[in-house]
Structure formats: C-alpha cells, structure tokens
Amino acid sequence: APMYNFSVPTQLKAWIDRVAVAGKTFRYTEAGPEGLCGDKKVVLVSTAGGLHAGQPTGAGHEDFLKVFLGFIGITDLEIVRAHGLAYG
C-alpha cells in the first residue's frame, strides 16, 4: 500500500469500494455495522517517501486502511513498513 499524496492510490481505493459490499463483507444490525470477514490475518506492507507512521499525515494511509479492515471485521493486522524512501 504505497502512500500517494497523503492517501492510498486510486487503484487500492477502487478495490476497497468493490470489497465493501453490504451483506457480503459487512452487514447492518440494530447495533450498527458488523464486519463479516473476521478470523483472517492481513499483512499490510506500507511504503512512503516520508516518515508518516503515527503522525497526522498518516491518517489517510495506514489509519484509513486499519479503519476499513476493522469495518469488514479484520482486526488481526501486521504492518511492515518501508518509510523514508525519499530520504536517499
């Protein structure tokens, strides 16, 4: 998941839009949405030219992906980072 201009690439966003399907990957309940993709592990390989992990500038990148994956029920997440790539 590369970071482009403080967010994910359009191709990844399009994939997210196709995966987030009510009744398939999540459902609405009286208590709110419930993810249907639990019991899965995701390894997120995150790349960025700068150092954004844990910073406000990372909100549209790793934080966004964590929120989406949690929304569909995936909470077992490992992040592998290659950040600071533009530093030389």
PDB file of N, CA and C in Angstrom:
ATOM      1  N   ALA A   1       0.839  -1.174   0.000  1.00  0.00           N
ATOM      2  CA  ALA A   1       0.000   0.000   0.000  1.00  0.00           C
ATOM      3  C   ALA A   1       0.890   1.245   0.000  1.00  0.00           C
ATOM      4  N   PRO A   2       1.226   1.744  -1.146  1.00  0.00           N
ATOM      5  CA  PRO A   2       2.028   2.965  -1.173  1.00  0.00           C
ATOM      6  C   PRO A   2       1.196   4.173  -0.767  1.00  0.00           C
ATOM      7  N   MET A   3       1.886   5.190  -0.313  1.00  0.00           N
ATOM      8  CA  MET A   3       1.224   6.448   0.020  1.00  0.00           C
ATOM      9  C   MET A   3       1.455   7.414  -1.125  1.00  0.00           C
ATOM     10  N   TYR A   4       0.372   7.894  -1.705  1.00  0.00           N
ATOM     11  CA  TYR A   4       0.439   8.904  -2.756  1.00  0.00           C
ATOM     12  C   TYR A   4      -0.293  10.140  -2.248  1.00  0.00           C
ATOM     13  N   ASN A   5       0.396  11.233  -2.090  1.00  0.00           N
ATOM     14  CA  ASN A   5      -0.237  12.500  -1.701  1.00  0.00           C
ATOM     15  C   ASN A   5      -1.147  12.350  -0.483  1.00  0.00           C
ATOM     16  N   PHE A   6      -0.620  11.724   0.568  1.00  0.00           N
ATOM     17  CA  PHE A   6      -1.291  11.571   1.862  1.00  0.00           C
ATOM     18  C   PHE A   6      -2.456  10.597   1.859  1.00  0.00           C
ATOM     19  N   SER A   7      -2.554   9.731   0.881  1.00  0.00           N
ATOM     20  CA  SER A   7      -3.633   8.755   0.849  1.00  0.00           C
ATOM     21  C   SER A   7      -3.180   7.512   0.080  1.00  0.00           C
ATOM     22  N   VAL A   8      -4.119   6.607  -0.157  1.00  0.00           N
ATOM     23  CA  VAL A   8      -3.820   5.397  -0.920  1.00  0.00           C
ATOM     24  C   VAL A   8      -4.018   5.675  -2.412  1.00  0.00           C
ATOM     25  N   PRO A   9      -3.388   4.895  -3.270  1.00  0.00           N
ATOM     26  CA  PRO A   9      -3.581   5.070  -4.711  1.00  0.00           C
ATOM     27  C   PRO A   9      -5.036   4.800  -5.123  1.00  0.00           C
ATOM     28  N   THR A  10      -5.437   5.377  -6.218  1.00  0.00           N
ATOM     29  CA  THR A  10      -6.818   5.208  -6.686  1.00  0.00           C
ATOM     30  C   THR A  10      -7.151   3.742  -6.956  1.00  0.00           C
ATOM     31  N   GLN A  11      -6.182   2.963  -7.393  1.00  0.00           N
ATOM     32  CA  GLN A  11      -6.433   1.540  -7.662  1.00  0.00           C
ATOM     33  C   GLN A  11      -6.800   0.802  -6.378  1.00  0.00           C
ATOM     34  N   LEU A  12      -6.116   1.121  -5.275  1.00  0.00           N
ATOM     35  CA  LEU A  12      -6.428   0.493  -3.996  1.00  0.00           C
ATOM     36  C   LEU A  12      -7.778   0.973  -3.482  1.00  0.00           C
ATOM     37  N   LYS A  13      -8.081   2.245  -3.634  1.00  0.00           N
ATOM     38  CA  LYS A  13      -9.386   2.775  -3.221  1.00  0.00           C
ATOM     39  C   LYS A  13     -10.506   2.116  -4.021  1.00  0.00           C
ATOM     40  N   ALA A  14     -10.298   1.898  -5.308  1.00  0.00           N
ATOM     41  CA  ALA A  14     -11.305   1.224  -6.131  1.00  0.00           C
ATOM     42  C   ALA A  14     -11.516  -0.212  -5.653  1.00  0.00           C
ATOM     43  N   TRP A  15     -10.438  -0.904  -5.256  1.00  0.00           N
ATOM     44  CA  TRP A  15     -10.548  -2.264  -4.726  1.00  0.00           C
ATOM     45  C   TRP A  15     -11.361  -2.246  -3.439  1.00  0.00           C
ATOM     46  N   ILE A  16     -11.084  -1.282  -2.559  1.00  0.00           N
ATOM     47  CA  ILE A  16     -11.823  -1.155  -1.302  1.00  0.00           C
ATOM     48  C   ILE A  16     -13.312  -0.957  -1.594  1.00  0.00           C
ATOM     49  N   ASP A  17     -13.630  -0.108  -2.557  1.00  0.00           N
ATOM     50  CA  ASP A  17     -15.028   0.137  -2.906  1.00  0.00           C
ATOM     51  C   ASP A  17     -15.707  -1.122  -3.431  1.00  0.00           C
ATOM     52  N   ARG A  18     -14.980  -1.991  -4.086  1.00  0.00           N
ATOM     53  CA  ARG A  18     -15.558  -3.244  -4.594  1.00  0.00           C
ATOM     54  C   ARG A  18     -15.683  -4.286  -3.490  1.00  0.00           C
ATOM     55  N   VAL A  19     -14.780  -4.263  -2.514  1.00  0.00           N
ATOM     56  CA  VAL A  19     -14.804  -5.235  -1.426  1.00  0.00           C
ATOM     57  C   VAL A  19     -15.865  -4.893  -0.383  1.00  0.00           C
ATOM     58  N   ALA A  20     -16.094  -3.630  -0.132  1.00  0.00           N
ATOM     59  CA  ALA A  20     -17.071  -3.207   0.885  1.00  0.00           C
ATOM     60  C   ALA A  20     -18.485  -3.358   0.333  1.00  0.00           C
ATOM     61  N   VAL A  21     -19.069  -4.532   0.512  1.00  0.00           N
ATOM     62  CA  VAL A  21     -20.391  -4.836  -0.033  1.00  0.00           C
ATOM     63  C   VAL A  21     -21.304  -5.285   1.102  1.00  0.00           C
ATOM     64  N   ALA A  22     -22.353  -4.512   1.334  1.00  0.00           N
ATOM     65  CA  ALA A  22     -23.319  -4.867   2.383  1.00  0.00           C
ATOM     66  C   ALA A  22     -23.881  -6.255   2.108  1.00  0.00           C
ATOM     67  N   GLY A  23     -23.907  -7.083   3.147  1.00  0.00           N
ATOM     68  CA  GLY A  23     -24.418  -8.445   3.013  1.00  0.00           C
ATOM     69  C   GLY A  23     -23.353  -9.448   2.628  1.00  0.00           C
ATOM     70  N   LYS A  24     -22.222  -8.990   2.160  1.00  0.00           N
ATOM     71  CA  LYS A  24     -21.124  -9.885   1.763  1.00  0.00           C
ATOM     72  C   LYS A  24     -19.935  -9.754   2.717  1.00  0.00           C
ATOM     73  N   THR A  25     -19.426  -8.544   2.891  1.00  0.00           N
ATOM     74  CA  THR A  25     -18.267  -8.334   3.763  1.00  0.00           C
ATOM     75  C   THR A  25     -18.633  -7.599   5.049  1.00  0.00           C
ATOM     76  N   PHE A  26     -19.814  -7.020   5.110  1.00  0.00           N
ATOM     77  CA  PHE A  26     -20.345  -6.420   6.334  1.00  0.00           C
ATOM     78  C   PHE A  26     -21.856  -6.417   6.246  1.00  0.00           C
ATOM     79  N   ARG A  27     -22.480  -6.229   7.414  1.00  0.00           N
ATOM     80  CA  ARG A  27     -23.937  -6.113   7.435  1.00  0.00           C
ATOM     81  C   ARG A  27     -24.327  -5.064   8.448  1.00  0.00           C
ATOM     82  N   TYR A  28     -25.511  -4.527   8.256  1.00  0.00           N
ATOM     83  CA  TYR A  28     -26.055  -3.556   9.191  1.00  0.00           C
ATOM     84  C   TYR A  28     -26.908  -4.293  10.221  1.00  0.00           C
ATOM     85  N   THR A  29     -26.710  -3.936  11.489  1.00  0.00           N
ATOM     86  CA  THR A  29     -27.505  -4.506  12.569  1.00  0.00           C
ATOM     87  C   THR A  29     -28.107  -3.345  13.365  1.00  0.00           C
ATOM     88  N   GLU A  30     -28.949  -3.672  14.322  1.00  0.00           N
ATOM     89  CA  GLU A  30     -29.520  -2.627  15.170  1.00  0.00           C
ATOM     90  C   GLU A  30     -28.441  -1.903  15.967  1.00  0.00           C
ATOM     91  N   ALA A  31     -27.315  -2.603  16.225  1.00  0.00           N
ATOM     92  CA  ALA A  31     -26.203  -2.011  16.982  1.00  0.00           C
ATOM     93  C   ALA A  31     -25.204  -1.295  16.079  1.00  0.00           C
ATOM     94  N   GLY A  32     -25.466  -1.281  14.764  1.00  0.00           N
ATOM     95  CA  GLY A  32     -24.548  -0.654  13.815  1.00  0.00           C
ATOM     96  C   GLY A  32     -23.949  -1.686  12.885  1.00  0.00           C
ATOM     97  N   PRO A  33     -22.993  -1.277  12.038  1.00  0.00           N
ATOM     98  CA  PRO A  33     -22.409  -2.214  11.084  1.00  0.00           C
ATOM     99  C   PRO A  33     -21.577  -3.282  11.784  1.00  0.00           C
ATOM    100  N   GLU A  34     -21.569  -4.472  11.177  1.00  0.00           N
ATOM    101  CA  GLU A  34     -20.802  -5.597  11.698  1.00  0.00           C
ATOM    102  C   GLU A  34     -20.007  -6.219  10.560  1.00  0.00           C
ATOM    103  N   GLY A  35     -18.702  -6.358  10.748  1.00  0.00           N
ATOM    104  CA  GLY A  35     -17.848  -6.978   9.727  1.00  0.00           C
ATOM    105  C   GLY A  35     -18.071  -8.468   9.644  1.00  0.00           C
ATOM    106  N   LEU A  36     -17.986  -9.001   8.439  1.00  0.00           N
ATOM    107  CA  LEU A  36     -18.209 -10.427   8.202  1.00  0.00           C
ATOM    108  C   LEU A  36     -16.944 -11.155   7.772  1.00  0.00           C
ATOM    109  N   CYS A  37     -15.803 -10.507   7.861  1.00  0.00           N
ATOM    110  CA  CYS A  37     -14.550 -11.092   7.370  1.00  0.00           C
ATOM    111  C   CYS A  37     -13.575 -11.412   8.499  1.00  0.00           C
ATOM    112  N   GLY A  38     -14.092 -11.658   9.697  1.00  0.00           N
ATOM    113  CA  GLY A  38     -13.219 -11.963  10.829  1.00  0.00           C
ATOM    114  C   GLY A  38     -12.436 -13.245  10.611  1.00  0.00           C
ATOM    115  N   ASP A  39     -11.593 -13.585  11.586  1.00  0.00           N
ATOM    116  CA  ASP A  39     -10.767 -14.793  11.536  1.00  0.00           C
ATOM    117  C   ASP A  39      -9.813 -14.811  10.349  1.00  0.00           C
ATOM    118  N   LYS A  40      -9.383 -13.651   9.929  1.00  0.00           N
ATOM    119  CA  LYS A  40      -8.392 -13.540   8.856  1.00  0.00           C
ATOM    120  C   LYS A  40      -7.242 -12.678   9.359  1.00  0.00           C
ATOM    121  N   LYS A  41      -6.069 -12.942   8.845  1.00  0.00           N
ATOM    122  CA  LYS A  41      -4.899 -12.131   9.173  1.00  0.00           C
ATOM    123  C   LYS A  41      -4.490 -11.378   7.919  1.00  0.00           C
ATOM    124  N   VAL A  42      -4.166 -10.103   8.085  1.00  0.00           N
ATOM    125  CA  VAL A  42      -3.704  -9.284   6.972  1.00  0.00           C
ATOM    126  C   VAL A  42      -2.313  -8.762   7.298  1.00  0.00           C
ATOM    127  N   VAL A  43      -1.420  -8.882   6.346  1.00  0.00           N
ATOM    128  CA  VAL A  43      -0.104  -8.254   6.448  1.00  0.00           C
ATOM    129  C   VAL A  43      -0.128  -7.072   5.491  1.00  0.00           C
ATOM    130  N   LEU A  44      -0.074  -5.889   6.052  1.00  0.00           N
ATOM    131  CA  LEU A  44      -0.097  -4.660   5.270  1.00  0.00           C
ATOM    132  C   LEU A  44       1.343  -4.196   5.075  1.00  0.00           C
ATOM    133  N   VAL A  45       1.787  -4.162   3.839  1.00  0.00           N
ATOM    134  CA  VAL A  45       3.115  -3.651   3.518  1.00  0.00           C
ATOM    135  C   VAL A  45       2.923  -2.204   3.093  1.00  0.00           C
ATOM    136  N   SER A  46       3.443  -1.297   3.904  1.00  0.00           N
ATOM    137  CA  SER A  46       3.214   0.133   3.748  1.00  0.00           C
ATOM    138  C   SER A  46       4.498   0.822   3.301  1.00  0.00           C
ATOM    139  N   THR A  47       4.398   1.591   2.220  1.00  0.00           N
ATOM    140  CA  THR A  47       5.564   2.329   1.735  1.00  0.00           C
ATOM    141  C   THR A  47       5.241   3.814   1.655  1.00  0.00           C
ATOM    142  N   ALA A  48       6.262   4.623   1.919  1.00  0.00           N
ATOM    143  CA  ALA A  48       6.088   6.075   1.848  1.00  0.00           C
ATOM    144  C   ALA A  48       7.447   6.732   1.681  1.00  0.00           C
ATOM    145  N   GLY A  49       7.462   7.836   0.986  1.00  0.00           N
ATOM    146  CA  GLY A  49       8.699   8.585   0.807  1.00  0.00           C
ATOM    147  C   GLY A  49       9.147   9.269   2.079  1.00  0.00           C
ATOM    148  N   GLY A  50       8.180   9.670   2.925  1.00  0.00           N
ATOM    149  CA  GLY A  50       8.486  10.342   4.184  1.00  0.00           C
ATOM    150  C   GLY A  50       8.262   9.435   5.368  1.00  0.00           C
ATOM    151  N   LEU A  51       8.261  10.049   6.547  1.00  0.00           N
ATOM    152  CA  LEU A  51       8.038   9.315   7.794  1.00  0.00           C
ATOM    153  C   LEU A  51       6.678   9.737   8.338  1.00  0.00           C
ATOM    154  N   HIS A  52       5.657   8.900   8.112  1.00  0.00           N
ATOM    155  CA  HIS A  52       4.282   9.281   8.421  1.00  0.00           C
ATOM    156  C   HIS A  52       3.625   8.414   9.484  1.00  0.00           C
ATOM    157  N   ALA A  53       4.186   7.274   9.827  1.00  0.00           N
ATOM    158  CA  ALA A  53       3.564   6.370  10.802  1.00  0.00           C
ATOM    159  C   ALA A  53       3.404   7.085  12.141  1.00  0.00           C
ATOM    160  N   GLY A  54       2.186   7.062  12.665  1.00  0.00           N
ATOM    161  CA  GLY A  54       1.900   7.702  13.941  1.00  0.00           C
ATOM    162  C   GLY A  54       1.791   9.215  13.881  1.00  0.00           C
ATOM    163  N   GLN A  55       1.871   9.789  12.705  1.00  0.00           N
ATOM    164  CA  GLN A  55       1.778  11.239  12.522  1.00  0.00           C
ATOM    165  C   GLN A  55       0.422  11.583  11.898  1.00  0.00           C
ATOM    166  N   PRO A  56      -0.039  12.818  12.058  1.00  0.00           N
ATOM    167  CA  PRO A  56      -1.302  13.210  11.426  1.00  0.00           C
ATOM    168  C   PRO A  56      -1.296  13.001   9.910  1.00  0.00           C
ATOM    169  N   THR A  57      -0.137  13.096   9.284  1.00  0.00           N
ATOM    170  CA  THR A  57      -0.058  12.917   7.829  1.00  0.00           C
ATOM    171  C   THR A  57      -0.327  11.472   7.411  1.00  0.00           C
ATOM    172  N   GLY A  58      -0.306  10.539   8.342  1.00  0.00           N
ATOM    173  CA  GLY A  58      -0.577   9.135   8.016  1.00  0.00           C
ATOM    174  C   GLY A  58      -2.037   8.757   8.127  1.00  0.00           C
ATOM    175  N   ALA A  59      -2.900   9.693   8.503  1.00  0.00           N
ATOM    176  CA  ALA A  59      -4.318   9.383   8.733  1.00  0.00           C
ATOM    177  C   ALA A  59      -5.016   8.849   7.485  1.00  0.00           C
ATOM    178  N   GLY A  60      -4.655   9.336   6.317  1.00  0.00           N
ATOM    179  CA  GLY A  60      -5.295   8.894   5.081  1.00  0.00           C
ATOM    180  C   GLY A  60      -4.632   7.680   4.468  1.00  0.00           C
ATOM    181  N   HIS A  61      -3.661   7.101   5.165  1.00  0.00           N
ATOM    182  CA  HIS A  61      -2.907   5.973   4.628  1.00  0.00           C
ATOM    183  C   HIS A  61      -3.114   4.752   5.527  1.00  0.00           C
ATOM    184  N   GLU A  62      -2.214   4.505   6.453  1.00  0.00           N
ATOM    185  CA  GLU A  62      -2.333   3.327   7.312  1.00  0.00           C
ATOM    186  C   GLU A  62      -3.566   3.391   8.201  1.00  0.00           C
ATOM    187  N   ASP A  63      -3.851   4.543   8.779  1.00  0.00           N
ATOM    188  CA  ASP A  63      -5.022   4.654   9.653  1.00  0.00           C
ATOM    189  C   ASP A  63      -6.305   4.376   8.877  1.00  0.00           C
ATOM    190  N   PHE A  64      -6.385   4.900   7.664  1.00  0.00           N
ATOM    191  CA  PHE A  64      -7.545   4.661   6.798  1.00  0.00           C
ATOM    192  C   PHE A  64      -7.708   3.165   6.527  1.00  0.00           C
ATOM    193  N   LEU A  65      -6.600   2.489   6.225  1.00  0.00           N
ATOM    194  CA  LEU A  65      -6.669   1.056   5.930  1.00  0.00           C
ATOM    195  C   LEU A  65      -7.047   0.247   7.170  1.00  0.00           C
ATOM    196  N   LYS A  66      -6.562   0.645   8.346  1.00  0.00           N
ATOM    197  CA  LYS A  66      -6.942  -0.022   9.598  1.00  0.00           C
ATOM    198  C   LYS A  66      -8.442   0.130   9.848  1.00  0.00           C
ATOM    199  N   VAL A  67      -8.970   1.329   9.632  1.00  0.00           N
ATOM    200  CA  VAL A  67     -10.402   1.559   9.837  1.00  0.00           C
ATOM    201  C   VAL A  67     -11.211   0.709   8.868  1.00  0.00           C
ATOM    202  N   PHE A  68     -10.824   0.681   7.605  1.00  0.00           N
ATOM    203  CA  PHE A  68     -11.562  -0.109   6.623  1.00  0.00           C
ATOM    204  C   PHE A  68     -11.523  -1.590   6.973  1.00  0.00           C
ATOM    205  N   LEU A  69     -10.330  -2.111   7.257  1.00  0.00           N
ATOM    206  CA  LEU A  69     -10.216  -3.535   7.569  1.00  0.00           C
ATOM    207  C   LEU A  69     -11.016  -3.885   8.827  1.00  0.00           C
ATOM    208  N   GLY A  70     -10.984  -3.015   9.831  1.00  0.00           N
ATOM    209  CA  GLY A  70     -11.794  -3.233  11.024  1.00  0.00           C
ATOM    210  C   GLY A  70     -13.280  -3.208  10.715  1.00  0.00           C
ATOM    211  N   PHE A  71     -13.680  -2.340   9.800  1.00  0.00           N
ATOM    212  CA  PHE A  71     -15.083  -2.233   9.403  1.00  0.00           C
ATOM    213  C   PHE A  71     -15.601  -3.546   8.822  1.00  0.00           C
ATOM    214  N   ILE A  72     -14.754  -4.242   8.056  1.00  0.00           N
ATOM    215  CA  ILE A  72     -15.188  -5.520   7.485  1.00  0.00           C
ATOM    216  C   ILE A  72     -14.852  -6.698   8.403  1.00  0.00           C
ATOM    217  N   GLY A  73     -14.340  -6.402   9.612  1.00  0.00           N
ATOM    218  CA  GLY A  73     -14.157  -7.441  10.619  1.00  0.00           C
ATOM    219  C   GLY A  73     -12.757  -7.975  10.772  1.00  0.00           C
ATOM    220  N   ILE A  74     -11.793  -7.413  10.074  1.00  0.00           N
ATOM    221  CA  ILE A  74     -10.421  -7.901  10.160  1.00  0.00           C
ATOM    222  C   ILE A  74      -9.653  -7.044  11.168  1.00  0.00           C
ATOM    223  N   THR A  75      -9.268  -7.670  12.264  1.00  0.00           N
ATOM    224  CA  THR A  75      -8.543  -6.948  13.309  1.00  0.00           C
ATOM    225  C   THR A  75      -7.146  -7.525  13.541  1.00  0.00           C
ATOM    226  N   ASP A  76      -6.867  -8.693  12.998  1.00  0.00           N
ATOM    227  CA  ASP A  76      -5.540  -9.297  13.127  1.00  0.00           C
ATOM    228  C   ASP A  76      -4.674  -8.733  12.003  1.00  0.00           C
ATOM    229  N   LEU A  77      -3.971  -7.651  12.303  1.00  0.00           N
ATOM    230  CA  LEU A  77      -3.250  -6.882  11.290  1.00  0.00           C
ATOM    231  C   LEU A  77      -1.794  -6.714  11.702  1.00  0.00           C
ATOM    232  N   GLU A  78      -0.914  -7.047  10.794  1.00  0.00           N
ATOM    233  CA  GLU A  78       0.519  -6.803  10.983  1.00  0.00           C
ATOM    234  C   GLU A  78       0.946  -5.789   9.926  1.00  0.00           C
ATOM    235  N   ILE A  79       1.695  -4.784  10.334  1.00  0.00           N
ATOM    236  CA  ILE A  79       2.150  -3.758   9.393  1.00  0.00           C
ATOM    237  C   ILE A  79       3.655  -3.865   9.235  1.00  0.00           C
ATOM    238  N   VAL A  80       4.091  -3.985   7.987  1.00  0.00           N
ATOM    239  CA  VAL A  80       5.508  -3.969   7.633  1.00  0.00           C
ATOM    240  C   VAL A  80       5.740  -2.668   6.885  1.00  0.00           C
ATOM    241  N   ARG A  81       6.655  -1.841   7.397  1.00  0.00           N
ATOM    242  CA  ARG A  81       6.847  -0.508   6.821  1.00  0.00           C
ATOM    243  C   ARG A  81       8.183  -0.375   6.090  1.00  0.00           C
ATOM    244  N   ALA A  82       8.110   0.289   4.953  1.00  0.00           N
ATOM    245  CA  ALA A  82       9.289   0.799   4.256  1.00  0.00           C
ATOM    246  C   ALA A  82       9.020   2.287   4.058  1.00  0.00           C
ATOM    247  N   HIS A  83       9.361   3.066   5.045  1.00  0.00           N
ATOM    248  CA  HIS A  83       9.100   4.511   5.025  1.00  0.00           C
ATOM    249  C   HIS A  83      10.418   5.269   4.952  1.00  0.00           C
ATOM    250  N   GLY A  84      10.326   6.515   4.563  1.00  0.00           N
ATOM    251  CA  GLY A  84      11.526   7.344   4.418  1.00  0.00           C
ATOM    252  C   GLY A  84      12.282   7.041   3.135  1.00  0.00           C
ATOM    253  N   LEU A  85      11.594   6.488   2.157  1.00  0.00           N
ATOM    254  CA  LEU A  85      12.258   6.068   0.919  1.00  0.00           C
ATOM    255  C   LEU A  85      12.786   7.230   0.098  1.00  0.00           C
ATOM    256  N   ALA A  86      12.247   8.418   0.274  1.00  0.00           N
ATOM    257  CA  ALA A  86      12.720   9.584  -0.487  1.00  0.00           C
ATOM    258  C   ALA A  86      13.910  10.249   0.193  1.00  0.00           C
ATOM    259  N   TYR A  87      14.321   9.720   1.331  1.00  0.00           N
ATOM    260  CA  TYR A  87      15.436  10.325   2.065  1.00  0.00           C
ATOM    261  C   TYR A  87      16.797   9.939   1.495  1.00  0.00           C
ATOM    262  N   GLY A  88      16.806   8.979   0.579  1.00  0.00           N
ATOM    263  CA  GLY A  88      18.063   8.563  -0.035  1.00  0.00           C
ATOM    264  C   GLY A  88      18.679   7.359   0.595  1.00  0.00           C
TER     265      GLY A  88
END
